[in-house]
Amino acid sequence: MLRSSYHSDEVSFLLTDLSGHSLELGLREREQAIAAGRNYAEMLPIEFAPSEQYLAVFEALLEQFAEQIAEHVGVLTEMAFAARRGRPVLVSLARAGTPVGILMRRWALFARDEQVPHYSVSIVRGRGIDRTALDHITARHDPASVLFVDGWTGKGAIATELTDALAAYAAAGGASLPGDLAVIADPGHCATLFGTRQDIVVPSACLNSTVCGLVGRRTVAGRLRGRSLGDVRWPARGHRDPGRVRPAQPASGQAGRRRGDAGAAAATAVAGPDPPRLPRHA
């Protein structure tokens, strides 16, 4: 199973490790390839370790939005329990959904003392979802308990892709899975479960692989591994190997510093009792 900088009990990445393959391309090269008809997911952008200035922007956003995010995570998690009759199985869409799934799992542990299963799988626009990953999940859990999680919605491209992919999976003999999507922010009005429909800043969106377990963007792996979908664990340049990096801090990781605030309890819940700080890179 794919390694990451998250604690192993917080998420199981059902992705293929393609770190040994050279898939990173510069912006101009990727634009030329896409213009020539190549799928965007067959290549990866170069991701660098964030600079101190970039991290400062993240810290400022975190200070401003952590309590809102914490409250929305709490609302979303309670909705998830209600929608799945108290036994949700979180399946986050890598990568943006992964930190959200982890925060929801932390809320469930804090508020309900419940250990919620959490997997992260790959989905690609125009190519569908990783059916091998879905087979793995449905062999271990009631398909009706599965709840797909993402960070936010925009024009609804991923929500539409998910609906189509799940229909194709069922038509091919797979289990019938619920297609409702859970997100923190749903300004596009595309999700069934949401913390808010305001277009708020989700701080984890700013840090790419740094806050997503040092996991690279999803990519089509068929040409390399004979599979339909996969992913690349490719640490950003300047990062150390995920096995030796302290867990990256999710969106609300520094919340709860200010005591007496209305959102302090919720922020502490999603941050965990002793949240690790983001690793500082040269």
C-alpha atoms as a PDB file:
ATOM      1  CA  MET A   1       0.000   0.000   0.000  1.00  0.00           C
ATOM      2  CA  LEU A   2       1.242   3.492  -0.813  1.00  0.00           C
ATOM      3  CA  ARG A   3       3.259   5.225   1.884  1.00  0.00           C
ATOM      4  CA  SER A   4       2.667   8.838   2.825  1.00  0.00           C
ATOM      5  CA  SER A   5       3.622  11.315   5.528  1.00  0.00           C
ATOM      6  CA  TYR A   6       0.245  10.867   7.232  1.00  0.00           C
ATOM      7  CA  HIS A   7      -0.175   8.458  10.116  1.00  0.00           C
ATOM      8  CA  SER A   8      -1.088   5.048   8.717  1.00  0.00           C
ATOM      9  CA  ASP A   9      -4.300   4.856  10.754  1.00  0.00           C
ATOM     10  CA  GLU A  10      -5.622   8.141   9.317  1.00  0.00           C
ATOM     11  CA  VAL A  11      -5.873   7.116   5.661  1.00  0.00           C
ATOM     12  CA  SER A  12      -5.219   4.151   3.382  1.00  0.00           C
ATOM     13  CA  PHE A  13      -4.079   5.331  -0.046  1.00  0.00           C
ATOM     14  CA  LEU A  14      -5.333   2.810  -2.612  1.00  0.00           C
ATOM     15  CA  LEU A  15      -2.933   4.064  -5.248  1.00  0.00           C
ATOM     16  CA  THR A  16      -0.080   2.674  -7.291  1.00  0.00           C
ATOM     17  CA  ASP A  17       3.410   3.913  -6.463  1.00  0.00           C
ATOM     18  CA  LEU A  18       5.003   5.142  -9.689  1.00  0.00           C
ATOM     19  CA  SER A  19       7.873   7.024  -8.108  1.00  0.00           C
ATOM     20  CA  GLY A  20      10.358   5.192 -10.293  1.00  0.00           C
ATOM     21  CA  HIS A  21       8.928   6.687 -13.475  1.00  0.00           C
ATOM     22  CA  SER A  22       9.786  10.115 -14.838  1.00  0.00           C
ATOM     23  CA  LEU A  23       6.455  11.853 -15.341  1.00  0.00           C
ATOM     24  CA  GLU A  24       7.153  15.435 -14.291  1.00  0.00           C
ATOM     25  CA  LEU A  25       7.066  18.078 -17.007  1.00  0.00           C
ATOM     26  CA  GLY A  26       7.314  21.848 -17.009  1.00  0.00           C
ATOM     27  CA  LEU A  27       4.287  24.045 -17.671  1.00  0.00           C
ATOM     28  CA  ARG A  28       5.106  24.754 -21.315  1.00  0.00           C
ATOM     29  CA  GLU A  29       5.772  21.072 -22.086  1.00  0.00           C
ATOM     30  CA  ARG A  30       2.493  20.010 -20.489  1.00  0.00           C
ATOM     31  CA  GLU A  31       0.515  22.688 -22.346  1.00  0.00           C
ATOM     32  CA  GLN A  32       2.020  21.580 -25.653  1.00  0.00           C
ATOM     33  CA  ALA A  33       1.258  17.934 -24.924  1.00  0.00           C
ATOM     34  CA  ILE A  34      -2.361  18.679 -23.964  1.00  0.00           C
ATOM     35  CA  ALA A  35      -2.791  20.795 -27.118  1.00  0.00           C
ATOM     36  CA  ALA A  36      -1.547  17.785 -29.085  1.00  0.00           C
ATOM     37  CA  GLY A  37      -4.284  15.624 -27.588  1.00  0.00           C
ATOM     38  CA  ARG A  38      -2.564  14.014 -24.620  1.00  0.00           C
ATOM     39  CA  ASN A  39      -4.673  13.618 -21.470  1.00  0.00           C
ATOM     40  CA  TYR A  40      -3.661  15.996 -18.682  1.00  0.00           C
ATOM     41  CA  ALA A  41      -3.417  13.089 -16.245  1.00  0.00           C
ATOM     42  CA  GLU A  42      -0.696  11.271 -18.214  1.00  0.00           C
ATOM     43  CA  MET A  43       1.906  13.716 -16.886  1.00  0.00           C
ATOM     44  CA  LEU A  44       2.631  15.586 -13.700  1.00  0.00           C
ATOM     45  CA  PRO A  45       3.563  19.182 -12.932  1.00  0.00           C
ATOM     46  CA  ILE A  46       6.804  19.858 -11.115  1.00  0.00           C
ATOM     47  CA  GLU A  47       6.043  20.493  -7.451  1.00  0.00           C
ATOM     48  CA  PHE A  48       8.580  22.288  -5.314  1.00  0.00           C
ATOM     49  CA  ALA A  49       8.816  22.457  -1.548  1.00  0.00           C
ATOM     50  CA  PRO A  50       7.041  25.688  -0.485  1.00  0.00           C
ATOM     51  CA  SER A  51       9.211  28.675   0.315  1.00  0.00           C
ATOM     52  CA  GLU A  52       9.120  30.488   3.631  1.00  0.00           C
ATOM     53  CA  GLN A  53       7.108  33.284   1.982  1.00  0.00           C
ATOM     54  CA  TYR A  54       4.578  30.801   0.649  1.00  0.00           C
ATOM     55  CA  LEU A  55       4.273  29.130   4.037  1.00  0.00           C
ATOM     56  CA  ALA A  56       3.690  32.548   5.587  1.00  0.00           C
ATOM     57  CA  VAL A  57       0.665  33.007   3.321  1.00  0.00           C
ATOM     58  CA  PHE A  58      -0.608  29.596   4.409  1.00  0.00           C
ATOM     59  CA  GLU A  59      -0.147  30.490   8.083  1.00  0.00           C
ATOM     60  CA  ALA A  60      -2.086  33.721   7.574  1.00  0.00           C
ATOM     61  CA  LEU A  61      -4.944  31.922   5.830  1.00  0.00           C
ATOM     62  CA  LEU A  62      -4.964  29.292   8.543  1.00  0.00           C
ATOM     63  CA  GLU A  63      -5.200  31.939  11.238  1.00  0.00           C
ATOM     64  CA  GLN A  64      -8.109  33.569   9.426  1.00  0.00           C
ATOM     65  CA  PHE A  65     -10.121  30.509   8.400  1.00  0.00           C
ATOM     66  CA  ALA A  66      -9.210  27.649  10.769  1.00  0.00           C
ATOM     67  CA  GLU A  67     -12.214  28.073  13.050  1.00  0.00           C
ATOM     68  CA  GLN A  68     -14.632  28.308  10.116  1.00  0.00           C
ATOM     69  CA  ILE A  69     -13.133  25.199   8.556  1.00  0.00           C
ATOM     70  CA  ALA A  70     -13.347  23.376  11.890  1.00  0.00           C
ATOM     71  CA  GLU A  71     -17.029  24.221  12.243  1.00  0.00           C
ATOM     72  CA  HIS A  72     -17.790  23.170   8.664  1.00  0.00           C
ATOM     73  CA  VAL A  73     -15.892  19.894   9.157  1.00  0.00           C
ATOM     74  CA  GLY A  74     -17.958  19.171  12.260  1.00  0.00           C
ATOM     75  CA  VAL A  75     -21.222  19.883  10.436  1.00  0.00           C
ATOM     76  CA  LEU A  76     -20.148  17.788   7.451  1.00  0.00           C
ATOM     77  CA  THR A  77     -19.123  14.836   9.596  1.00  0.00           C
ATOM     78  CA  GLU A  78     -22.409  14.822  11.491  1.00  0.00           C
ATOM     79  CA  MET A  79     -24.256  14.913   8.171  1.00  0.00           C
ATOM     80  CA  ALA A  80     -22.149  11.961   7.011  1.00  0.00           C
ATOM     81  CA  PHE A  81     -23.134   9.920  10.059  1.00  0.00           C
ATOM     82  CA  ALA A  82     -26.799  10.747   9.510  1.00  0.00           C
ATOM     83  CA  ALA A  83     -26.649   9.916   5.807  1.00  0.00           C
ATOM     84  CA  ARG A  84     -24.958   6.563   6.399  1.00  0.00           C
ATOM     85  CA  ARG A  85     -26.968   5.500   9.463  1.00  0.00           C
ATOM     86  CA  GLY A  86     -24.052   5.964  11.825  1.00  0.00           C
ATOM     87  CA  ARG A  87     -21.515   3.862   9.920  1.00  0.00           C
ATOM     88  CA  PRO A  88     -19.878   5.953   7.161  1.00  0.00           C
ATOM     89  CA  VAL A  89     -16.903   4.649   5.209  1.00  0.00           C
ATOM     90  CA  LEU A  90     -15.053   7.703   3.924  1.00  0.00           C
ATOM     91  CA  VAL A  91     -13.549   7.464   0.447  1.00  0.00           C
ATOM     92  CA  SER A  92     -11.720  10.678  -0.349  1.00  0.00           C
ATOM     93  CA  LEU A  93     -10.836  11.695  -3.896  1.00  0.00           C
ATOM     94  CA  ALA A  94      -7.085  12.160  -4.047  1.00  0.00           C
ATOM     95  CA  ARG A  95      -5.664  14.632  -3.500  1.00  0.00           C
ATOM     96  CA  ALA A  96      -7.870  17.536  -2.447  1.00  0.00           C
ATOM     97  CA  GLY A  97     -10.290  15.271  -0.632  1.00  0.00           C
ATOM     98  CA  THR A  98      -7.620  13.515   1.416  1.00  0.00           C
ATOM     99  CA  PRO A  99      -7.037  16.200   4.112  1.00  0.00           C
ATOM    100  CA  VAL A 100     -10.802  16.673   4.394  1.00  0.00           C
ATOM    101  CA  GLY A 101     -11.368  12.961   4.963  1.00  0.00           C
ATOM    102  CA  ILE A 102      -8.696  13.002   7.667  1.00  0.00           C
ATOM    103  CA  LEU A 103     -10.305  15.967   9.424  1.00  0.00           C
ATOM    104  CA  MET A 104     -13.700  14.274   9.284  1.00  0.00           C
ATOM    105  CA  ARG A 105     -12.178  11.148  10.779  1.00  0.00           C
ATOM    106  CA  ARG A 106     -10.630  13.211  13.581  1.00  0.00           C
ATOM    107  CA  TRP A 107     -13.950  14.885  14.304  1.00  0.00           C
ATOM    108  CA  ALA A 108     -15.678  11.493  14.534  1.00  0.00           C
ATOM    109  CA  LEU A 109     -13.051  10.325  17.000  1.00  0.00           C
ATOM    110  CA  PHE A 110     -13.302  13.517  19.091  1.00  0.00           C
ATOM    111  CA  ALA A 111     -17.062  14.029  19.128  1.00  0.00           C
ATOM    112  CA  ARG A 112     -18.293  10.446  18.919  1.00  0.00           C
ATOM    113  CA  ASP A 113     -15.340   8.283  19.934  1.00  0.00           C
ATOM    114  CA  GLU A 114     -15.814   6.505  16.604  1.00  0.00           C
ATOM    115  CA  GLN A 115     -13.058   5.061  14.421  1.00  0.00           C
ATOM    116  CA  VAL A 116     -14.162   5.726  10.855  1.00  0.00           C
ATOM    117  CA  PRO A 117     -12.533   3.872   7.944  1.00  0.00           C
ATOM    118  CA  HIS A 118     -10.929   6.244   5.461  1.00  0.00           C
ATOM    119  CA  TYR A 119      -9.546   5.390   2.022  1.00  0.00           C
ATOM    120  CA  SER A 120      -8.216   7.684  -0.687  1.00  0.00           C
ATOM    121  CA  VAL A 121      -8.684   6.755  -4.340  1.00  0.00           C
ATOM    122  CA  SER A 122      -7.934   8.179  -7.758  1.00  0.00           C
ATOM    123  CA  ILE A 123     -10.441   9.723 -10.151  1.00  0.00           C
ATOM    124  CA  VAL A 124      -9.553  11.402 -13.453  1.00  0.00           C
ATOM    125  CA  ARG A 125     -11.767  13.556 -15.626  1.00  0.00           C
ATOM    126  CA  GLY A 126     -12.559  11.701 -18.819  1.00  0.00           C
ATOM    127  CA  ARG A 127     -11.099   8.424 -17.543  1.00  0.00           C
ATOM    128  CA  GLY A 128     -13.239   7.544 -14.542  1.00  0.00           C
ATOM    129  CA  ILE A 129     -12.434   6.122 -11.117  1.00  0.00           C
ATOM    130  CA  ASP A 130     -10.037   3.366 -10.069  1.00  0.00           C
ATOM    131  CA  ARG A 131     -12.227   0.269 -10.138  1.00  0.00           C
ATOM    132  CA  THR A 132      -9.572  -1.887  -8.498  1.00  0.00           C
ATOM    133  CA  ALA A 133      -9.689   0.426  -5.496  1.00  0.00           C
ATOM    134  CA  LEU A 134     -13.483   0.217  -5.389  1.00  0.00           C
ATOM    135  CA  ASP A 135     -13.267  -3.589  -5.486  1.00  0.00           C
ATOM    136  CA  HIS A 136     -10.922  -3.458  -2.495  1.00  0.00           C
ATOM    137  CA  ILE A 137     -13.316  -1.265  -0.497  1.00  0.00           C
ATOM    138  CA  THR A 138     -16.544  -3.086  -1.338  1.00  0.00           C
ATOM    139  CA  ALA A 139     -14.956  -6.436  -0.449  1.00  0.00           C
ATOM    140  CA  ARG A 140     -14.440  -5.115   3.097  1.00  0.00           C
ATOM    141  CA  HIS A 141     -17.387  -2.797   3.724  1.00  0.00           C
ATOM    142  CA  ASP A 142     -21.082  -2.471   3.003  1.00  0.00           C
ATOM    143  CA  PRO A 143     -21.288  -0.560  -0.312  1.00  0.00           C
ATOM    144  CA  ALA A 144     -24.240   1.429   1.053  1.00  0.00           C
ATOM    145  CA  SER A 145     -21.958   2.903   3.745  1.00  0.00           C
ATOM    146  CA  VAL A 146     -19.461   4.385   1.287  1.00  0.00           C
ATOM    147  CA  LEU A 147     -19.318   8.184   1.159  1.00  0.00           C
ATOM    148  CA  PHE A 148     -17.105   9.989  -1.337  1.00  0.00           C
ATOM    149  CA  VAL A 149     -15.318  13.085  -0.024  1.00  0.00           C
ATOM    150  CA  ASP A 150     -13.678  16.024  -1.784  1.00  0.00           C
ATOM    151  CA  GLY A 151     -12.480  19.455  -0.715  1.00  0.00           C
ATOM    152  CA  TRP A 152     -14.857  21.770  -2.570  1.00  0.00           C
ATOM    153  CA  THR A 153     -16.871  22.121  -5.767  1.00  0.00           C
ATOM    154  CA  GLY A 154     -16.543  24.455  -8.714  1.00  0.00           C
ATOM    155  CA  LYS A 155     -18.332  23.829 -11.988  1.00  0.00           C
ATOM    156  CA  GLY A 156     -19.139  20.258 -10.996  1.00  0.00           C
ATOM    157  CA  ALA A 157     -16.740  18.412 -13.300  1.00  0.00           C
ATOM    158  CA  ILE A 158     -15.600  15.918 -10.654  1.00  0.00           C
ATOM    159  CA  ALA A 159     -19.129  15.435  -9.288  1.00  0.00           C
ATOM    160  CA  THR A 160     -20.328  14.600 -12.805  1.00  0.00           C
ATOM    161  CA  GLU A 161     -17.332  12.335 -13.407  1.00  0.00           C
ATOM    162  CA  LEU A 162     -18.037  10.508 -10.154  1.00  0.00           C
ATOM    163  CA  THR A 163     -21.693   9.926 -11.060  1.00  0.00           C
ATOM    164  CA  ASP A 164     -20.779   8.592 -14.507  1.00  0.00           C
ATOM    165  CA  ALA A 165     -17.905   6.469 -13.173  1.00  0.00           C
ATOM    166  CA  LEU A 166     -20.024   4.808 -10.498  1.00  0.00           C
ATOM    167  CA  ALA A 167     -22.736   4.012 -13.051  1.00  0.00           C
ATOM    168  CA  ALA A 168     -20.120   2.437 -15.323  1.00  0.00           C
ATOM    169  CA  TYR A 169     -18.672   0.482 -12.400  1.00  0.00           C
ATOM    170  CA  ALA A 170     -22.083  -0.968 -11.520  1.00  0.00           C
ATOM    171  CA  ALA A 171     -22.833  -1.730 -15.190  1.00  0.00           C
ATOM    172  CA  ALA A 172     -19.567  -3.675 -15.398  1.00  0.00           C
ATOM    173  CA  GLY A 173     -20.623  -5.895 -12.512  1.00  0.00           C
ATOM    174  CA  GLY A 174     -19.376  -3.888  -9.566  1.00  0.00           C
ATOM    175  CA  ALA A 175     -21.386  -2.966  -6.505  1.00  0.00           C
ATOM    176  CA  SER A 176     -23.938  -0.165  -6.661  1.00  0.00           C
ATOM    177  CA  LEU A 177     -22.368   2.693  -4.719  1.00  0.00           C
ATOM    178  CA  PRO A 178     -24.078   5.889  -3.528  1.00  0.00           C
ATOM    179  CA  GLY A 179     -23.053   8.818  -5.678  1.00  0.00           C
ATOM    180  CA  ASP A 180     -23.606  11.633  -3.210  1.00  0.00           C
ATOM    181  CA  LEU A 181     -20.518  13.742  -2.596  1.00  0.00           C
ATOM    182  CA  ALA A 182     -19.424  15.361   0.678  1.00  0.00           C
ATOM    183  CA  VAL A 183     -17.331  18.554   0.598  1.00  0.00           C
ATOM    184  CA  ILE A 184     -16.356  21.348   2.958  1.00  0.00           C
ATOM    185  CA  ALA A 185     -17.423  24.114   0.574  1.00  0.00           C
ATOM    186  CA  ASP A 186     -20.025  23.767  -2.160  1.00  0.00           C
ATOM    187  CA  PRO A 187     -20.274  27.130  -3.949  1.00  0.00           C
ATOM    188  CA  GLY A 188     -21.088  25.262  -7.157  1.00  0.00           C
ATOM    189  CA  HIS A 189     -24.177  23.634  -5.582  1.00  0.00           C
ATOM    190  CA  CYS A 190     -22.974  20.256  -6.855  1.00  0.00           C
ATOM    191  CA  ALA A 191     -22.687  18.274  -3.608  1.00  0.00           C
ATOM    192  CA  THR A 192     -25.359  16.578  -1.521  1.00  0.00           C
ATOM    193  CA  LEU A 193     -23.489  16.984   1.773  1.00  0.00           C
ATOM    194  CA  PHE A 194     -21.574  20.176   2.534  1.00  0.00           C
ATOM    195  CA  GLY A 195     -20.299  22.247   5.403  1.00  0.00           C
ATOM    196  CA  THR A 196     -21.109  25.529   3.680  1.00  0.00           C
ATOM    197  CA  ARG A 197     -22.086  26.875   0.290  1.00  0.00           C
ATOM    198  CA  GLN A 198     -20.016  29.989   0.744  1.00  0.00           C
ATOM    199  CA  ASP A 199     -16.948  30.302  -1.459  1.00  0.00           C
ATOM    200  CA  ILE A 200     -14.457  30.208   1.408  1.00  0.00           C
ATOM    201  CA  VAL A 201     -10.712  29.605   1.330  1.00  0.00           C
ATOM    202  CA  VAL A 202      -9.706  26.083   2.301  1.00  0.00           C
ATOM    203  CA  PRO A 203      -6.086  26.521   3.455  1.00  0.00           C
ATOM    204  CA  SER A 204      -5.055  22.970   2.530  1.00  0.00           C
ATOM    205  CA  ALA A 205      -5.703  23.899  -1.107  1.00  0.00           C
ATOM    206  CA  CYS A 206      -2.597  26.080  -1.033  1.00  0.00           C
ATOM    207  CA  LEU A 207      -0.001  23.415  -0.294  1.00  0.00           C
ATOM    208  CA  ASN A 208      -0.557  20.612  -2.803  1.00  0.00           C
ATOM    209  CA  SER A 209       1.504  17.524  -1.919  1.00  0.00           C
ATOM    210  CA  THR A 210       2.868  19.122   1.263  1.00  0.00           C
ATOM    211  CA  VAL A 211      -0.504  18.843   2.967  1.00  0.00           C
ATOM    212  CA  CYS A 212      -1.648  15.756   1.061  1.00  0.00           C
ATOM    213  CA  GLY A 213       0.791  13.302   2.569  1.00  0.00           C
ATOM    214  CA  LEU A 214       3.540  14.114   0.031  1.00  0.00           C
ATOM    215  CA  VAL A 215       1.508  12.249  -2.571  1.00  0.00           C
ATOM    216  CA  GLY A 216       1.710  13.500  -6.129  1.00  0.00           C
ATOM    217  CA  ARG A 217      -1.230  14.263  -8.359  1.00  0.00           C
ATOM    218  CA  ARG A 218      -3.244  11.370  -9.726  1.00  0.00           C
ATOM    219  CA  THR A 219      -2.146  10.104 -13.117  1.00  0.00           C
ATOM    220  CA  VAL A 220      -3.223   7.571 -15.714  1.00  0.00           C
ATOM    221  CA  ALA A 221      -0.921   4.595 -15.223  1.00  0.00           C
ATOM    222  CA  GLY A 222      -2.148   2.260 -17.942  1.00  0.00           C
ATOM    223  CA  ARG A 223       0.899   2.672 -20.150  1.00  0.00           C
ATOM    224  CA  LEU A 224       3.231   1.946 -17.254  1.00  0.00           C
ATOM    225  CA  ARG A 225       1.542  -0.735 -15.174  1.00  0.00           C
ATOM    226  CA  GLY A 226      -1.181  -2.177 -17.350  1.00  0.00           C
ATOM    227  CA  ARG A 227      -3.857  -0.650 -15.135  1.00  0.00           C
ATOM    228  CA  SER A 228      -6.523   1.913 -15.882  1.00  0.00           C
ATOM    229  CA  LEU A 229      -5.701   4.380 -13.121  1.00  0.00           C
ATOM    230  CA  GLY A 230      -3.035   4.945 -10.552  1.00  0.00           C
ATOM    231  CA  ASP A 231      -1.142   7.661  -8.777  1.00  0.00           C
ATOM    232  CA  VAL A 232       2.358   8.843  -8.221  1.00  0.00           C
ATOM    233  CA  ARG A 233       4.030   9.261  -4.881  1.00  0.00           C
ATOM    234  CA  TRP A 234       6.495  11.932  -5.900  1.00  0.00           C
ATOM    235  CA  PRO A 235       7.774  14.136  -3.070  1.00  0.00           C
ATOM    236  CA  ALA A 236       8.051  17.794  -3.989  1.00  0.00           C
ATOM    237  CA  ARG A 237      11.576  18.887  -4.798  1.00  0.00           C
ATOM    238  CA  GLY A 238      13.309  19.613  -1.538  1.00  0.00           C
ATOM    239  CA  HIS A 239      11.173  17.168   0.466  1.00  0.00           C
ATOM    240  CA  ARG A 240      12.664  14.142   2.068  1.00  0.00           C
ATOM    241  CA  ASP A 241      11.347  10.619   1.592  1.00  0.00           C
ATOM    242  CA  PRO A 242       7.793  10.317   3.015  1.00  0.00           C
ATOM    243  CA  GLY A 243       8.899   7.544   5.331  1.00  0.00           C
ATOM    244  CA  ARG A 244      11.146   9.983   7.180  1.00  0.00           C
ATOM    245  CA  VAL A 245       9.009  13.126   7.127  1.00  0.00           C
ATOM    246  CA  ARG A 246       6.778  14.055  10.049  1.00  0.00           C
ATOM    247  CA  PRO A 247       3.072  14.044   9.129  1.00  0.00           C
ATOM    248  CA  ALA A 248       2.021  17.099   7.163  1.00  0.00           C
ATOM    249  CA  GLN A 249      -0.406  19.317   9.039  1.00  0.00           C
ATOM    250  CA  PRO A 250      -3.960  19.338   7.630  1.00  0.00           C
ATOM    251  CA  ALA A 251      -6.050  22.461   7.248  1.00  0.00           C
ATOM    252  CA  SER A 252      -6.972  23.018  10.871  1.00  0.00           C
ATOM    253  CA  GLY A 253      -3.724  21.776  12.366  1.00  0.00           C
ATOM    254  CA  GLN A 254      -2.893  24.963  14.233  1.00  0.00           C
ATOM    255  CA  ALA A 255      -6.422  25.776  15.273  1.00  0.00           C
ATOM    256  CA  GLY A 256      -7.428  26.063  18.878  1.00  0.00           C
ATOM    257  CA  ARG A 257      -4.553  28.278  19.981  1.00  0.00           C
ATOM    258  CA  ARG A 258      -6.868  31.010  21.169  1.00  0.00           C
ATOM    259  CA  ARG A 259      -8.840  29.901  24.201  1.00  0.00           C
ATOM    260  CA  GLY A 260     -12.413  30.966  24.799  1.00  0.00           C
ATOM    261  CA  ASP A 261     -13.217  31.373  21.114  1.00  0.00           C
ATOM    262  CA  ALA A 262     -16.489  29.937  19.853  1.00  0.00           C
ATOM    263  CA  GLY A 263     -14.703  27.597  17.478  1.00  0.00           C
ATOM    264  CA  ALA A 264     -11.890  26.535  19.794  1.00  0.00           C
ATOM    265  CA  ALA A 265     -13.394  23.177  20.774  1.00  0.00           C
ATOM    266  CA  ALA A 266     -14.198  22.245  17.187  1.00  0.00           C
ATOM    267  CA  ALA A 267     -10.789  23.409  16.022  1.00  0.00           C
ATOM    268  CA  THR A 268      -9.058  21.327  18.677  1.00  0.00           C
ATOM    269  CA  ALA A 269     -11.069  18.289  17.612  1.00  0.00           C
ATOM    270  CA  VAL A 270      -9.969  18.358  14.003  1.00  0.00           C
ATOM    271  CA  ALA A 271      -6.428  19.331  14.835  1.00  0.00           C
ATOM    272  CA  GLY A 272      -5.895  16.406  17.188  1.00  0.00           C
ATOM    273  CA  PRO A 273      -4.496  16.486  20.713  1.00  0.00           C
ATOM    274  CA  ASP A 274      -0.923  17.257  19.662  1.00  0.00           C
ATOM    275  CA  PRO A 275      -0.960  18.323  16.008  1.00  0.00           C
ATOM    276  CA  PRO A 276       2.366  18.010  14.175  1.00  0.00           C
ATOM    277  CA  ARG A 277       3.632  21.102  12.432  1.00  0.00           C
ATOM    278  CA  LEU A 278       4.411  21.324   8.777  1.00  0.00           C
ATOM    279  CA  PRO A 279       7.969  20.295   8.057  1.00  0.00           C
ATOM    280  CA  ARG A 280      10.150  23.283   7.244  1.00  0.00           C
ATOM    281  CA  HIS A 281      12.193  22.852   4.094  1.00  0.00           C
ATOM    282  CA  ALA A 282      15.238  24.660   2.839  1.00  0.00           C
END
